[in-house]
């Protein structure tokens, strides 16, 4: 890409596998040196962004979510912006009743969800412990080159649900069973046939 800067042009080549991988490389390809200010977006989900220029530490001024870098840029200059992407738990405002006691999962800029194709029917009966750890791995098939997330959780689904009474006394109809939960990027659901999807999951201690 190229940007006009007065009577010159700042040419950049941006590469990386964002948002799946955390590094973005910006290489200056302008044959003529150009003095200019670059503004790099620092997303609020990233607590510790890191930046290098030509392999060494480089800093600028942060204003309103952007990192401003002023320099006489020349061909061969290479910026590497690293945006660490740990899996994070997202909690809603307590005033939102539908989210009370629930948690959503996010990695980098992407929100994840449970889908019936991976986790079976009755997603409302699944729960995620507050101390569960997450495993990030590369998917296959339609998820090739995309990162998926798994965690150990619980299921309260019961066999022959249609024959269960509407309610019963003194004991829960099903004991929680350990179950591996698989989360996919929210934008990619509904590509494997009809089925349930759920973003907000009950969180248990």
C-alpha atoms as a PDB file:
ATOM      1  CA  UNK A   1       0.000   0.000   0.000  1.00  0.00           C
ATOM      2  CA  UNK A   2       1.087   3.569  -0.614  1.00  0.00           C
ATOM      3  CA  UNK A   3       0.274   6.920   1.009  1.00  0.00           C
ATOM      4  CA  UNK A   4       0.975  10.338  -0.516  1.00  0.00           C
ATOM      5  CA  UNK A   5       3.143  12.470   1.779  1.00  0.00           C
ATOM      6  CA  UNK A   6       3.540  15.946   0.283  1.00  0.00           C
ATOM      7  CA  UNK A   7       5.506  15.424  -2.949  1.00  0.00           C
ATOM      8  CA  UNK A   8       6.586  11.899  -2.011  1.00  0.00           C
ATOM      9  CA  UNK A   9       4.974   8.541  -1.366  1.00  0.00           C
ATOM     10  CA  UNK A  10       5.304   6.271   1.675  1.00  0.00           C
ATOM     11  CA  UNK A  11       5.103   2.670   0.563  1.00  0.00           C
ATOM     12  CA  UNK A  12       4.429  -0.101   3.076  1.00  0.00           C
ATOM     13  CA  UNK A  13       4.107  -3.881   2.902  1.00  0.00           C
ATOM     14  CA  UNK A  14       2.031  -5.364   5.748  1.00  0.00           C
ATOM     15  CA  UNK A  15       2.233  -9.087   6.450  1.00  0.00           C
ATOM     16  CA  UNK A  16       1.207 -11.572   9.115  1.00  0.00           C
ATOM     17  CA  UNK A  17      -1.632 -13.919   9.971  1.00  0.00           C
ATOM     18  CA  UNK A  18      -3.675 -11.569  12.142  1.00  0.00           C
ATOM     19  CA  UNK A  19      -6.070 -12.136  13.896  1.00  0.00           C
ATOM     20  CA  UNK A  20      -4.957 -15.760  14.338  1.00  0.00           C
ATOM     21  CA  UNK A  21      -1.308 -14.987  15.127  1.00  0.00           C
ATOM     22  CA  UNK A  22      -0.120 -12.125  17.285  1.00  0.00           C
ATOM     23  CA  UNK A  23       2.611 -10.549  15.139  1.00  0.00           C
ATOM     24  CA  UNK A  24       2.105  -8.000  12.362  1.00  0.00           C
ATOM     25  CA  UNK A  25       5.093  -6.898  10.273  1.00  0.00           C
ATOM     26  CA  UNK A  26       5.176  -3.530   8.521  1.00  0.00           C
ATOM     27  CA  UNK A  27       8.034  -3.117   6.052  1.00  0.00           C
ATOM     28  CA  UNK A  28       8.904   0.170   4.400  1.00  0.00           C
ATOM     29  CA  UNK A  29       9.479  -0.279   0.671  1.00  0.00           C
ATOM     30  CA  UNK A  30       9.750   3.371  -0.424  1.00  0.00           C
ATOM     31  CA  UNK A  31      12.878   3.866  -2.547  1.00  0.00           C
ATOM     32  CA  UNK A  32      13.127   7.457  -1.252  1.00  0.00           C
ATOM     33  CA  UNK A  33      13.222   8.329   2.460  1.00  0.00           C
ATOM     34  CA  UNK A  34       9.972   9.899   3.744  1.00  0.00           C
ATOM     35  CA  UNK A  35       9.471  11.784   7.008  1.00  0.00           C
ATOM     36  CA  UNK A  36       6.031  11.008   8.342  1.00  0.00           C
ATOM     37  CA  UNK A  37       4.001   9.912  11.388  1.00  0.00           C
ATOM     38  CA  UNK A  38       2.487   6.438  11.441  1.00  0.00           C
ATOM     39  CA  UNK A  39      -0.400   5.696  13.817  1.00  0.00           C
ATOM     40  CA  UNK A  40      -0.809   2.079  14.904  1.00  0.00           C
ATOM     41  CA  UNK A  41      -4.046   1.000  16.575  1.00  0.00           C
ATOM     42  CA  UNK A  42      -3.611  -0.466  20.076  1.00  0.00           C
ATOM     43  CA  UNK A  43      -6.799  -2.454  20.789  1.00  0.00           C
ATOM     44  CA  UNK A  44      -8.196  -2.319  24.318  1.00  0.00           C
ATOM     45  CA  UNK A  45      -8.245  -6.131  24.596  1.00  0.00           C
ATOM     46  CA  UNK A  46      -4.431  -6.189  24.490  1.00  0.00           C
ATOM     47  CA  UNK A  47      -2.796  -5.361  27.815  1.00  0.00           C
ATOM     48  CA  UNK A  48       0.854  -5.519  26.745  1.00  0.00           C
ATOM     49  CA  UNK A  49       1.526  -4.630  23.087  1.00  0.00           C
ATOM     50  CA  UNK A  50       5.178  -4.714  22.016  1.00  0.00           C
ATOM     51  CA  UNK A  51       6.935  -2.954  19.148  1.00  0.00           C
ATOM     52  CA  UNK A  52      10.353  -3.287  17.562  1.00  0.00           C
ATOM     53  CA  UNK A  53      12.020  -1.379  14.741  1.00  0.00           C
ATOM     54  CA  UNK A  54      14.729  -3.199  12.801  1.00  0.00           C
ATOM     55  CA  UNK A  55      15.021  -5.684  15.659  1.00  0.00           C
ATOM     56  CA  UNK A  56      15.418  -3.138  18.456  1.00  0.00           C
ATOM     57  CA  UNK A  57      12.996  -1.570  20.901  1.00  0.00           C
ATOM     58  CA  UNK A  58      11.115   1.451  19.570  1.00  0.00           C
ATOM     59  CA  UNK A  59       8.529   3.637  21.246  1.00  0.00           C
ATOM     60  CA  UNK A  60       6.220   6.491  20.401  1.00  0.00           C
ATOM     61  CA  UNK A  61       3.405   8.538  21.886  1.00  0.00           C
ATOM     62  CA  UNK A  62       0.143   6.849  22.836  1.00  0.00           C
ATOM     63  CA  UNK A  63      -3.002   8.929  22.359  1.00  0.00           C
ATOM     64  CA  UNK A  64      -6.626   7.784  22.327  1.00  0.00           C
ATOM     65  CA  UNK A  65      -5.818   4.160  21.542  1.00  0.00           C
ATOM     66  CA  UNK A  66      -3.161   4.820  18.886  1.00  0.00           C
ATOM     67  CA  UNK A  67       0.634   4.639  18.988  1.00  0.00           C
ATOM     68  CA  UNK A  68       2.099   7.541  17.000  1.00  0.00           C
ATOM     69  CA  UNK A  69       5.533   6.973  15.470  1.00  0.00           C
ATOM     70  CA  UNK A  70       7.386   9.858  13.853  1.00  0.00           C
ATOM     71  CA  UNK A  71      10.522   9.160  11.880  1.00  0.00           C
ATOM     72  CA  UNK A  72      12.324   9.601   8.607  1.00  0.00           C
ATOM     73  CA  UNK A  73      11.288   6.266   7.140  1.00  0.00           C
ATOM     74  CA  UNK A  74      13.535   4.617   4.617  1.00  0.00           C
ATOM     75  CA  UNK A  75      13.555   1.453   2.560  1.00  0.00           C
ATOM     76  CA  UNK A  76      14.347  -1.580   4.689  1.00  0.00           C
ATOM     77  CA  UNK A  77      12.842  -0.226   7.919  1.00  0.00           C
ATOM     78  CA  UNK A  78      10.793  -3.000   9.492  1.00  0.00           C
ATOM     79  CA  UNK A  79       8.302  -2.600  12.326  1.00  0.00           C
ATOM     80  CA  UNK A  80       7.050  -5.679  14.171  1.00  0.00           C
ATOM     81  CA  UNK A  81       3.947  -5.126  16.293  1.00  0.00           C
ATOM     82  CA  UNK A  82       3.183  -7.939  18.712  1.00  0.00           C
ATOM     83  CA  UNK A  83      -0.319  -8.101  20.200  1.00  0.00           C
ATOM     84  CA  UNK A  84      -0.355 -10.967  22.742  1.00  0.00           C
ATOM     85  CA  UNK A  85      -3.608 -12.946  22.505  1.00  0.00           C
ATOM     86  CA  UNK A  86      -4.302 -14.881  25.689  1.00  0.00           C
ATOM     87  CA  UNK A  87      -7.797 -16.300  26.004  1.00  0.00           C
ATOM     88  CA  UNK A  88      -9.803 -13.871  28.114  1.00  0.00           C
ATOM     89  CA  UNK A  89     -13.085 -14.181  29.996  1.00  0.00           C
ATOM     90  CA  UNK A  90     -15.605 -11.430  29.295  1.00  0.00           C
ATOM     91  CA  UNK A  91     -18.270 -10.495  31.846  1.00  0.00           C
ATOM     92  CA  UNK A  92     -21.350  -8.401  31.231  1.00  0.00           C
ATOM     93  CA  UNK A  93     -22.737  -5.557  33.298  1.00  0.00           C
ATOM     94  CA  UNK A  94     -24.620  -7.016  36.310  1.00  0.00           C
ATOM     95  CA  UNK A  95     -27.681  -5.020  35.273  1.00  0.00           C
ATOM     96  CA  UNK A  96     -28.035  -7.151  32.130  1.00  0.00           C
ATOM     97  CA  UNK A  97     -30.127 -10.029  33.476  1.00  0.00           C
ATOM     98  CA  UNK A  98     -29.510 -12.378  30.552  1.00  0.00           C
ATOM     99  CA  UNK A  99     -25.750 -12.285  31.266  1.00  0.00           C
ATOM    100  CA  UNK A 100     -25.844 -12.627  35.041  1.00  0.00           C
ATOM    101  CA  UNK A 101     -23.683 -15.517  36.219  1.00  0.00           C
ATOM    102  CA  UNK A 102     -22.391 -16.113  32.700  1.00  0.00           C
ATOM    103  CA  UNK A 103     -19.117 -15.619  30.873  1.00  0.00           C
ATOM    104  CA  UNK A 104     -18.073 -15.210  27.244  1.00  0.00           C
ATOM    105  CA  UNK A 105     -14.729 -16.181  25.742  1.00  0.00           C
ATOM    106  CA  UNK A 106     -12.520 -13.915  23.633  1.00  0.00           C
ATOM    107  CA  UNK A 107      -9.109 -14.340  22.025  1.00  0.00           C
ATOM    108  CA  UNK A 108      -7.571 -11.299  20.422  1.00  0.00           C
ATOM    109  CA  UNK A 109     -10.339  -9.354  18.657  1.00  0.00           C
ATOM    110  CA  UNK A 110     -12.532 -12.438  18.191  1.00  0.00           C
ATOM    111  CA  UNK A 111     -15.435 -13.543  20.386  1.00  0.00           C
ATOM    112  CA  UNK A 112     -15.956 -17.311  20.508  1.00  0.00           C
ATOM    113  CA  UNK A 113     -19.052 -19.457  20.894  1.00  0.00           C
ATOM    114  CA  UNK A 114     -20.227 -23.000  21.529  1.00  0.00           C
ATOM    115  CA  UNK A 115     -21.938 -24.740  18.627  1.00  0.00           C
ATOM    116  CA  UNK A 116     -24.060 -27.884  18.633  1.00  0.00           C
ATOM    117  CA  UNK A 117     -21.894 -29.485  15.934  1.00  0.00           C
ATOM    118  CA  UNK A 118     -19.032 -29.757  18.445  1.00  0.00           C
ATOM    119  CA  UNK A 119     -20.774 -29.952  21.815  1.00  0.00           C
ATOM    120  CA  UNK A 120     -24.080 -31.735  21.161  1.00  0.00           C
ATOM    121  CA  UNK A 121     -27.609 -30.603  21.926  1.00  0.00           C
ATOM    122  CA  UNK A 122     -28.673 -28.689  25.016  1.00  0.00           C
ATOM    123  CA  UNK A 123     -25.971 -26.017  25.120  1.00  0.00           C
ATOM    124  CA  UNK A 124     -27.870 -24.311  27.965  1.00  0.00           C
ATOM    125  CA  UNK A 125     -26.943 -27.311  30.135  1.00  0.00           C
ATOM    126  CA  UNK A 126     -23.206 -26.729  29.716  1.00  0.00           C
ATOM    127  CA  UNK A 127     -21.129 -24.769  32.211  1.00  0.00           C
ATOM    128  CA  UNK A 128     -17.542 -23.563  32.464  1.00  0.00           C
ATOM    129  CA  UNK A 129     -15.653 -23.671  35.780  1.00  0.00           C
ATOM    130  CA  UNK A 130     -14.044 -20.421  36.869  1.00  0.00           C
ATOM    131  CA  UNK A 131     -10.652 -22.166  37.157  1.00  0.00           C
ATOM    132  CA  UNK A 132     -10.683 -23.980  33.816  1.00  0.00           C
ATOM    133  CA  UNK A 133      -7.608 -23.540  31.655  1.00  0.00           C
ATOM    134  CA  UNK A 134      -7.832 -23.047  27.898  1.00  0.00           C
ATOM    135  CA  UNK A 135      -6.102 -24.896  25.084  1.00  0.00           C
ATOM    136  CA  UNK A 136      -5.703 -23.066  21.772  1.00  0.00           C
ATOM    137  CA  UNK A 137      -5.163 -25.190  18.667  1.00  0.00           C
ATOM    138  CA  UNK A 138      -5.443 -24.951  14.895  1.00  0.00           C
ATOM    139  CA  UNK A 139      -8.645 -26.339  13.422  1.00  0.00           C
ATOM    140  CA  UNK A 140      -9.199 -28.585  10.422  1.00  0.00           C
ATOM    141  CA  UNK A 141     -11.621 -28.617   7.495  1.00  0.00           C
ATOM    142  CA  UNK A 142     -13.584 -25.378   7.356  1.00  0.00           C
ATOM    143  CA  UNK A 143     -11.534 -24.227  10.356  1.00  0.00           C
ATOM    144  CA  UNK A 144      -8.168 -24.816   8.688  1.00  0.00           C
ATOM    145  CA  UNK A 145      -5.689 -22.049   9.586  1.00  0.00           C
ATOM    146  CA  UNK A 146      -8.110 -20.775  12.246  1.00  0.00           C
ATOM    147  CA  UNK A 147      -7.571 -21.100  15.983  1.00  0.00           C
ATOM    148  CA  UNK A 148     -10.095 -22.970  18.136  1.00  0.00           C
ATOM    149  CA  UNK A 149     -10.313 -23.185  21.925  1.00  0.00           C
ATOM    150  CA  UNK A 150     -11.084 -26.061  24.278  1.00  0.00           C
ATOM    151  CA  UNK A 151     -11.623 -26.183  28.034  1.00  0.00           C
ATOM    152  CA  UNK A 152     -12.890 -28.714  30.542  1.00  0.00           C
ATOM    153  CA  UNK A 153     -16.440 -27.987  31.638  1.00  0.00           C
ATOM    154  CA  UNK A 154     -19.597 -29.745  32.779  1.00  0.00           C
ATOM    155  CA  UNK A 155     -22.765 -31.004  31.172  1.00  0.00           C
ATOM    156  CA  UNK A 156     -26.130 -31.581  32.868  1.00  0.00           C
ATOM    157  CA  UNK A 157     -27.788 -33.183  29.883  1.00  0.00           C
ATOM    158  CA  UNK A 158     -29.775 -36.355  30.564  1.00  0.00           C
ATOM    159  CA  UNK A 159     -30.693 -39.284  28.386  1.00  0.00           C
ATOM    160  CA  UNK A 160     -34.280 -39.595  27.165  1.00  0.00           C
ATOM    161  CA  UNK A 161     -35.010 -35.971  27.932  1.00  0.00           C
ATOM    162  CA  UNK A 162     -38.437 -36.129  26.314  1.00  0.00           C
ATOM    163  CA  UNK A 163     -39.627 -38.603  28.946  1.00  0.00           C
ATOM    164  CA  UNK A 164     -38.421 -36.536  31.910  1.00  0.00           C
ATOM    165  CA  UNK A 165     -41.097 -34.840  34.066  1.00  0.00           C
ATOM    166  CA  UNK A 166     -41.384 -31.063  33.848  1.00  0.00           C
ATOM    167  CA  UNK A 167     -40.057 -30.827  37.405  1.00  0.00           C
ATOM    168  CA  UNK A 168     -39.154 -33.079  40.303  1.00  0.00           C
ATOM    169  CA  UNK A 169     -38.571 -32.665  44.034  1.00  0.00           C
ATOM    170  CA  UNK A 170     -35.499 -32.661  46.268  1.00  0.00           C
ATOM    171  CA  UNK A 171     -32.854 -33.671  43.744  1.00  0.00           C
ATOM    172  CA  UNK A 172     -31.575 -32.379  40.439  1.00  0.00           C
ATOM    173  CA  UNK A 173     -32.573 -34.466  37.411  1.00  0.00           C
ATOM    174  CA  UNK A 174     -28.936 -34.884  36.350  1.00  0.00           C
ATOM    175  CA  UNK A 175     -25.561 -34.760  38.053  1.00  0.00           C
ATOM    176  CA  UNK A 176     -22.905 -32.701  36.288  1.00  0.00           C
ATOM    177  CA  UNK A 177     -20.635 -34.749  34.050  1.00  0.00           C
ATOM    178  CA  UNK A 178     -17.160 -33.635  32.988  1.00  0.00           C
ATOM    179  CA  UNK A 179     -17.161 -32.622  29.333  1.00  0.00           C
ATOM    180  CA  UNK A 180     -14.628 -31.018  27.011  1.00  0.00           C
ATOM    181  CA  UNK A 181     -16.112 -27.798  25.606  1.00  0.00           C
ATOM    182  CA  UNK A 182     -15.066 -26.630  22.154  1.00  0.00           C
ATOM    183  CA  UNK A 183     -15.324 -22.947  21.242  1.00  0.00           C
ATOM    184  CA  UNK A 184     -15.216 -21.683  17.654  1.00  0.00           C
ATOM    185  CA  UNK A 185     -14.996 -18.105  16.355  1.00  0.00           C
ATOM    186  CA  UNK A 186     -18.472 -16.615  16.550  1.00  0.00           C
ATOM    187  CA  UNK A 187     -18.420 -15.349  12.960  1.00  0.00           C
ATOM    188  CA  UNK A 188     -17.934 -18.883  11.616  1.00  0.00           C
ATOM    189  CA  UNK A 189     -20.930 -20.654  13.138  1.00  0.00           C
ATOM    190  CA  UNK A 190     -23.885 -22.071  11.125  1.00  0.00           C
ATOM    191  CA  UNK A 191     -21.660 -23.519   8.405  1.00  0.00           C
ATOM    192  CA  UNK A 192     -22.188 -27.172   9.326  1.00  0.00           C
ATOM    193  CA  UNK A 193     -25.955 -27.523   9.183  1.00  0.00           C
ATOM    194  CA  UNK A 194     -28.687 -26.393  11.543  1.00  0.00           C
ATOM    195  CA  UNK A 195     -28.003 -26.387  15.255  1.00  0.00           C
ATOM    196  CA  UNK A 196     -27.726 -24.361  18.438  1.00  0.00           C
ATOM    197  CA  UNK A 197     -25.163 -21.677  19.164  1.00  0.00           C
ATOM    198  CA  UNK A 198     -24.334 -20.044  22.492  1.00  0.00           C
ATOM    199  CA  UNK A 199     -21.938 -17.246  23.437  1.00  0.00           C
ATOM    200  CA  UNK A 200     -22.749 -16.645  27.114  1.00  0.00           C
ATOM    201  CA  UNK A 201     -22.058 -19.765  29.197  1.00  0.00           C
ATOM    202  CA  UNK A 202     -22.861 -20.418  32.848  1.00  0.00           C
ATOM    203  CA  UNK A 203     -19.769 -20.025  35.003  1.00  0.00           C
ATOM    204  CA  UNK A 204     -19.448 -22.246  38.071  1.00  0.00           C
ATOM    205  CA  UNK A 205     -16.979 -22.173  40.928  1.00  0.00           C
END
